[in-house]
């Protein structure tokens, strides 16, 4: 459960307008969809059916039952949503609201500071494979329980599946027997060849991960639960998790850029059909 204080809950309830059982302009359906996108948790589940079962009470139950990380993630996303709704409604944010918003933002930041892995939400499946989705979920749960050393073998499996999927999407050939670092090397070459990297420093950082992933193969085989091994210590496990999650977070931004560029190209090609001949 999260360690939100009573005063923090009151501030959040005030900003999110929860006094009458509602949350901003969310319907039951849109709230369920929003929370699922934000945290991959189904807030319509019966375990969140607290008291009247209103949207506000479901959110209160979520705060009570879920981890600091999950609660911090949802709070942050709801704060962004609140600001966006203000803009779309052409409604000025009062100084009082701005102060309350800042206080709620600090609540989210405080909760996230209690999570040892900075970009834990980057550990997500990048395809529709249900087993891959479950694998990512189990890894995040181990981190939320502050047991990174127990998930190192799963993190390695995740990295292999994630990077293979990246190569499939970019039509990069690889052999299923190829080790993790070798497959990632092909992806880095693709990024460089497509001019998707702006600085030599970024290129060198990415290439340094090729060696790091090679070393991760050793950790997986000799210092994780993949075999009957003495397990790597907590602090080095956290270091590995933070490095991998930071890499994946960066790759997410690159992939979004690739998709945007492809969509722009498709639109340009489509417009050619409407030019006079």
Protein backbone atom coordinates (compact mmCIF):
# COMPACT_ATOMS: atom_id res chain seq x y z
CA UNK A 1 0.00 0.00 0.00
CA UNK A 2 1.09 3.59 -0.55
CA UNK A 3 2.11 5.83 2.32
CA UNK A 4 0.03 8.86 1.33
CA UNK A 5 -0.63 10.98 4.41
CA UNK A 6 -4.06 12.28 5.38
CA UNK A 7 -3.12 15.85 4.45
CA UNK A 8 -1.77 14.72 1.06
CA UNK A 9 -5.03 12.89 0.34
CA UNK A 10 -7.04 16.02 1.16
CA UNK A 11 -4.95 18.10 -1.26
CA UNK A 12 -5.40 15.55 -4.03
CA UNK A 13 -9.13 15.28 -3.39
CA UNK A 14 -9.45 19.05 -3.54
CA UNK A 15 -7.66 19.39 -6.90
CA UNK A 16 -9.42 16.37 -8.45
CA UNK A 17 -12.82 17.57 -7.20
CA UNK A 18 -13.68 14.33 -5.40
CA UNK A 19 -16.04 15.71 -2.76
CA UNK A 20 -19.26 14.37 -4.35
CA UNK A 21 -17.97 11.01 -5.47
CA UNK A 22 -16.74 12.26 -8.85
CA UNK A 23 -13.23 12.75 -10.29
CA UNK A 24 -12.92 15.74 -12.64
CA UNK A 25 -15.02 14.94 -15.75
CA UNK A 26 -14.34 11.19 -15.78
CA UNK A 27 -17.15 8.73 -16.46
CA UNK A 28 -16.85 5.21 -15.05
CA UNK A 29 -15.62 3.95 -18.39
CA UNK A 30 -13.17 6.77 -19.12
CA UNK A 31 -11.70 6.47 -15.61
CA UNK A 32 -11.16 2.74 -16.05
CA UNK A 33 -9.48 3.32 -19.42
CA UNK A 34 -7.34 6.17 -18.07
CA UNK A 35 -6.06 4.20 -15.06
CA UNK A 36 -5.39 1.17 -17.24
CA UNK A 37 -3.31 3.23 -19.67
CA UNK A 38 -1.45 4.94 -16.84
CA UNK A 39 -0.72 2.00 -14.54
CA UNK A 40 -1.89 -1.17 -16.33
CA UNK A 41 -4.24 -1.76 -13.39
CA UNK A 42 -7.99 -2.33 -13.74
CA UNK A 43 -9.62 0.01 -11.22
CA UNK A 44 -13.04 -1.53 -12.01
CA UNK A 45 -11.88 -4.69 -10.23
CA UNK A 46 -14.04 -5.65 -7.25
CA UNK A 47 -11.18 -5.11 -4.79
CA UNK A 48 -11.47 -1.35 -5.40
CA UNK A 49 -15.23 -1.37 -4.76
CA UNK A 50 -14.93 0.66 -1.57
CA UNK A 51 -18.05 1.82 0.29
CA UNK A 52 -20.42 3.32 -2.32
CA UNK A 53 -18.28 2.19 -5.25
CA UNK A 54 -18.19 5.74 -6.63
CA UNK A 55 -15.31 6.85 -8.82
CA UNK A 56 -13.83 8.85 -5.94
CA UNK A 57 -14.06 5.90 -3.56
CA UNK A 58 -12.47 3.59 -6.10
CA UNK A 59 -9.56 6.02 -6.37
CA UNK A 60 -9.28 6.14 -2.57
CA UNK A 61 -9.17 2.33 -2.50
CA UNK A 62 -6.47 2.44 -5.19
CA UNK A 63 -4.41 4.78 -3.02
CA UNK A 64 -4.79 2.42 -0.06
CA UNK A 65 -4.04 -0.84 -1.88
CA UNK A 66 -1.43 -0.02 -4.51
CA UNK A 67 2.30 0.66 -4.24
CA UNK A 68 3.91 4.09 -3.98
CA UNK A 69 5.09 3.72 -7.56
CA UNK A 70 1.65 2.93 -9.02
CA UNK A 71 -0.02 5.70 -7.01
CA UNK A 72 2.67 8.24 -7.95
CA UNK A 73 2.35 7.35 -11.64
CA UNK A 74 -1.44 7.77 -11.60
CA UNK A 75 -1.29 11.03 -9.64
CA UNK A 76 1.20 12.51 -12.11
CA UNK A 77 -0.88 11.51 -15.14
CA UNK A 78 -4.05 12.89 -13.55
CA UNK A 79 -2.28 16.18 -12.86
CA UNK A 80 -1.32 16.42 -16.54
CA UNK A 81 -4.92 15.63 -17.46
CA UNK A 82 -6.20 18.34 -15.10
CA UNK A 83 -3.93 20.95 -16.74
CA UNK A 84 -4.91 19.87 -20.23
CA UNK A 85 -8.61 20.10 -19.38
CA UNK A 86 -8.06 23.62 -18.09
CA UNK A 87 -6.42 24.61 -21.39
CA UNK A 88 -9.11 23.02 -23.53
CA UNK A 89 -11.82 24.71 -21.50
CA UNK A 90 -10.05 28.08 -21.88
CA UNK A 91 -10.20 28.36 -18.12
CA UNK A 92 -7.52 30.37 -16.35
CA UNK A 93 -5.66 28.64 -13.55
CA UNK A 94 -5.98 30.71 -10.40
CA UNK A 95 -3.01 31.34 -8.11
CA UNK A 96 -4.69 29.08 -5.52
CA UNK A 97 -5.08 26.28 -8.07
CA UNK A 98 -1.49 26.71 -9.22
CA UNK A 99 -0.28 26.38 -5.65
CA UNK A 100 -2.43 23.29 -5.08
CA UNK A 101 -1.20 21.78 -8.35
CA UNK A 102 2.41 22.32 -7.29
CA UNK A 103 1.74 20.70 -3.92
CA UNK A 104 0.17 17.65 -5.59
CA UNK A 105 3.09 17.40 -7.99
CA UNK A 106 5.44 17.25 -5.02
CA UNK A 107 3.32 14.42 -3.58
CA UNK A 108 3.86 12.41 -6.76
CA UNK A 109 7.59 13.16 -6.70
CA UNK A 110 7.88 12.14 -3.05
CA UNK A 111 6.21 8.79 -3.68
CA UNK A 112 8.40 8.11 -6.71
CA UNK A 113 11.54 8.80 -4.70
CA UNK A 114 10.69 5.70 -2.68
CA UNK A 115 10.94 3.59 -5.85
CA UNK A 116 14.53 2.44 -6.48
CA UNK A 117 14.20 2.23 -10.30
CA UNK A 118 13.65 5.61 -11.95
CA UNK A 119 12.00 4.53 -15.22
CA UNK A 120 10.18 1.44 -14.04
CA UNK A 121 7.19 2.26 -16.23
CA UNK A 122 9.44 1.73 -19.26
CA UNK A 123 9.38 -2.00 -18.54
CA UNK A 124 6.44 -2.67 -20.85
CA UNK A 125 5.88 -5.22 -23.63
CA UNK A 126 6.34 -3.66 -27.08
CA UNK A 127 3.97 -6.07 -28.81
CA UNK A 128 0.64 -7.78 -28.07
CA UNK A 129 2.10 -11.03 -26.75
CA UNK A 130 0.22 -11.87 -23.52
CA UNK A 131 3.19 -13.79 -22.11
CA UNK A 132 5.43 -10.78 -22.73
CA UNK A 133 2.89 -8.53 -20.99
CA UNK A 134 2.83 -10.87 -17.98
CA UNK A 135 6.63 -11.01 -17.87
CA UNK A 136 6.87 -7.20 -17.72
CA UNK A 137 4.19 -7.09 -15.03
CA UNK A 138 6.04 -9.63 -12.86
CA UNK A 139 9.28 -7.67 -13.17
CA UNK A 140 7.61 -4.43 -12.09
CA UNK A 141 6.01 -6.20 -9.13
CA UNK A 142 9.39 -7.46 -7.91
CA UNK A 143 10.77 -3.91 -8.07
CA UNK A 144 7.75 -2.53 -6.25
CA UNK A 145 8.50 -5.11 -3.53
CA UNK A 146 12.10 -3.78 -3.57
CA UNK A 147 13.54 -7.15 -4.64
CA UNK A 148 15.48 -6.36 -7.86
CA UNK A 149 17.91 -9.25 -7.42
CA UNK A 150 14.97 -11.68 -7.65
CA UNK A 151 14.04 -10.40 -11.12
CA UNK A 152 17.41 -10.22 -12.91
CA UNK A 153 16.80 -13.37 -14.95
CA UNK A 154 13.37 -12.09 -15.96
CA UNK A 155 14.84 -8.71 -16.85
CA UNK A 156 17.30 -10.45 -19.19
CA UNK A 157 14.47 -12.40 -20.82
CA UNK A 158 12.52 -9.16 -21.16
CA UNK A 159 15.49 -7.39 -22.79
CA UNK A 160 15.92 -10.22 -25.31
CA UNK A 161 12.23 -10.18 -26.27
CA UNK A 162 12.11 -6.38 -26.37
CA UNK A 163 15.17 -5.95 -28.60
CA UNK A 164 14.15 -8.79 -30.90
CA UNK A 165 10.81 -7.06 -31.40
CA UNK A 166 12.58 -3.79 -32.21
CA UNK A 167 14.57 -5.59 -34.92
CA UNK A 168 11.45 -7.24 -36.33
CA UNK A 169 9.71 -3.88 -36.60
CA UNK A 170 12.70 -2.42 -38.44
CA UNK A 171 13.11 -5.50 -40.69
CA UNK A 172 16.54 -6.31 -39.27
CA UNK A 173 17.49 -9.96 -39.69
CA UNK A 174 18.86 -11.92 -36.76
CA UNK A 175 19.33 -15.51 -35.72
CA UNK A 176 17.43 -16.78 -32.68
CA UNK A 177 20.72 -18.10 -31.33
CA UNK A 178 22.35 -14.68 -31.45
CA UNK A 179 23.12 -13.25 -28.00
CA UNK A 180 21.42 -10.15 -26.67
CA UNK A 181 24.31 -7.74 -27.24
CA UNK A 182 24.75 -8.81 -30.87
CA UNK A 183 21.08 -8.19 -31.70
CA UNK A 184 21.18 -4.79 -30.02
CA UNK A 185 24.29 -3.91 -32.04
CA UNK A 186 22.26 -4.34 -35.24
CA UNK A 187 19.58 -2.00 -33.92
CA UNK A 188 22.18 0.67 -33.04
CA UNK A 189 23.66 0.42 -36.56
CA UNK A 190 20.18 0.93 -37.98
CA UNK A 191 19.64 4.09 -35.90
CA UNK A 192 22.97 5.52 -37.04
CA UNK A 193 22.38 4.62 -40.71
CA UNK A 194 18.94 6.27 -40.62
CA UNK A 195 20.37 9.47 -39.11
CA UNK A 196 18.21 9.06 -36.03
CA UNK A 197 21.09 9.93 -33.70
CA UNK A 198 22.17 13.58 -33.62
CA UNK A 199 25.44 13.44 -31.68
CA UNK A 200 28.49 11.23 -31.62
CA UNK A 201 28.19 11.17 -27.83
CA UNK A 202 24.75 9.53 -28.02
CA UNK A 203 26.07 7.03 -30.54
CA UNK A 204 28.94 6.15 -28.22
CA UNK A 205 26.62 5.78 -25.24
CA UNK A 206 24.41 3.40 -27.21
CA UNK A 207 27.41 1.41 -28.41
CA UNK A 208 28.65 1.14 -24.82
CA UNK A 209 25.41 -0.71 -24.06
CA UNK A 210 26.48 -3.44 -26.48
CA UNK A 211 29.28 -4.37 -24.08
CA UNK A 212 27.03 -3.90 -21.07
CA UNK A 213 24.46 -6.28 -22.50
CA UNK A 214 27.22 -8.80 -23.18
CA UNK A 215 28.13 -8.57 -19.49
CA UNK A 216 24.44 -8.95 -18.63
CA UNK A 217 24.54 -12.37 -20.32
CA UNK A 218 27.12 -13.41 -17.72
CA UNK A 219 25.08 -12.01 -14.83
CA UNK A 220 21.98 -13.84 -16.02
CA UNK A 221 23.81 -17.16 -16.32
CA UNK A 222 25.94 -16.93 -13.19
CA UNK A 223 24.39 -14.46 -10.72
CA UNK A 224 20.62 -14.78 -11.07
CA UNK A 225 17.87 -17.30 -10.41
CA UNK A 226 18.20 -18.57 -13.99
CA UNK A 227 20.36 -21.33 -12.49
CA UNK A 228 21.47 -22.52 -9.07
CA UNK A 229 23.66 -19.46 -8.46
CA UNK A 230 24.77 -17.18 -5.66
CA UNK A 231 22.61 -14.11 -6.38
CA UNK A 232 23.98 -10.66 -7.18
CA UNK A 233 23.73 -8.13 -4.36
CA UNK A 234 20.89 -5.61 -4.08
CA UNK A 235 22.77 -2.41 -4.98
CA UNK A 236 24.38 -3.78 -8.13
CA UNK A 237 21.02 -5.24 -9.15
CA UNK A 238 19.48 -1.77 -8.81
CA UNK A 239 22.29 -0.31 -10.93
CA UNK A 240 21.58 -2.85 -13.69
CA UNK A 241 17.85 -2.14 -13.56
CA UNK A 242 18.34 1.62 -13.73
CA UNK A 243 20.68 1.35 -16.71
CA UNK A 244 18.37 -0.98 -18.64
CA UNK A 245 15.23 1.03 -17.88
CA UNK A 246 16.96 4.28 -18.92
CA UNK A 247 18.03 2.68 -22.19
CA UNK A 248 14.50 1.44 -22.89
CA UNK A 249 13.05 4.85 -22.02
CA UNK A 250 15.34 6.46 -24.59
CA UNK A 251 14.49 3.83 -27.20
CA UNK A 252 10.79 4.60 -26.67
CA UNK A 253 11.36 8.21 -27.72
CA UNK A 254 13.37 7.13 -30.77
CA UNK A 255 10.66 4.67 -31.82
CA UNK A 256 7.98 7.33 -31.47
CA UNK A 257 10.07 9.57 -33.73
CA UNK A 258 10.42 6.79 -36.31
CA UNK A 259 6.67 6.18 -36.33
CA UNK A 260 5.94 9.91 -36.64
CA UNK A 261 8.33 10.20 -39.56
CA UNK A 262 6.76 7.21 -41.30
CA UNK A 263 3.29 8.70 -40.84
CA UNK A 264 4.41 12.03 -42.26
CA UNK A 265 5.90 10.24 -45.28
CA UNK A 266 2.67 8.31 -45.79
CA UNK A 267 0.65 11.53 -45.72
CA UNK A 268 2.99 13.16 -48.25
CA UNK A 269 2.67 10.19 -50.61
CA UNK A 270 -1.10 10.19 -50.22
CA UNK A 271 -1.25 13.89 -51.15
CA UNK A 272 0.45 13.13 -54.47
CA UNK A 273 -2.69 11.33 -55.62
CA UNK A 274 -4.60 14.62 -55.46
CA UNK A 275 -2.14 16.66 -57.52
CA UNK A 276 -3.38 17.64 -61.02
CA UNK A 277 -1.84 15.61 -63.80
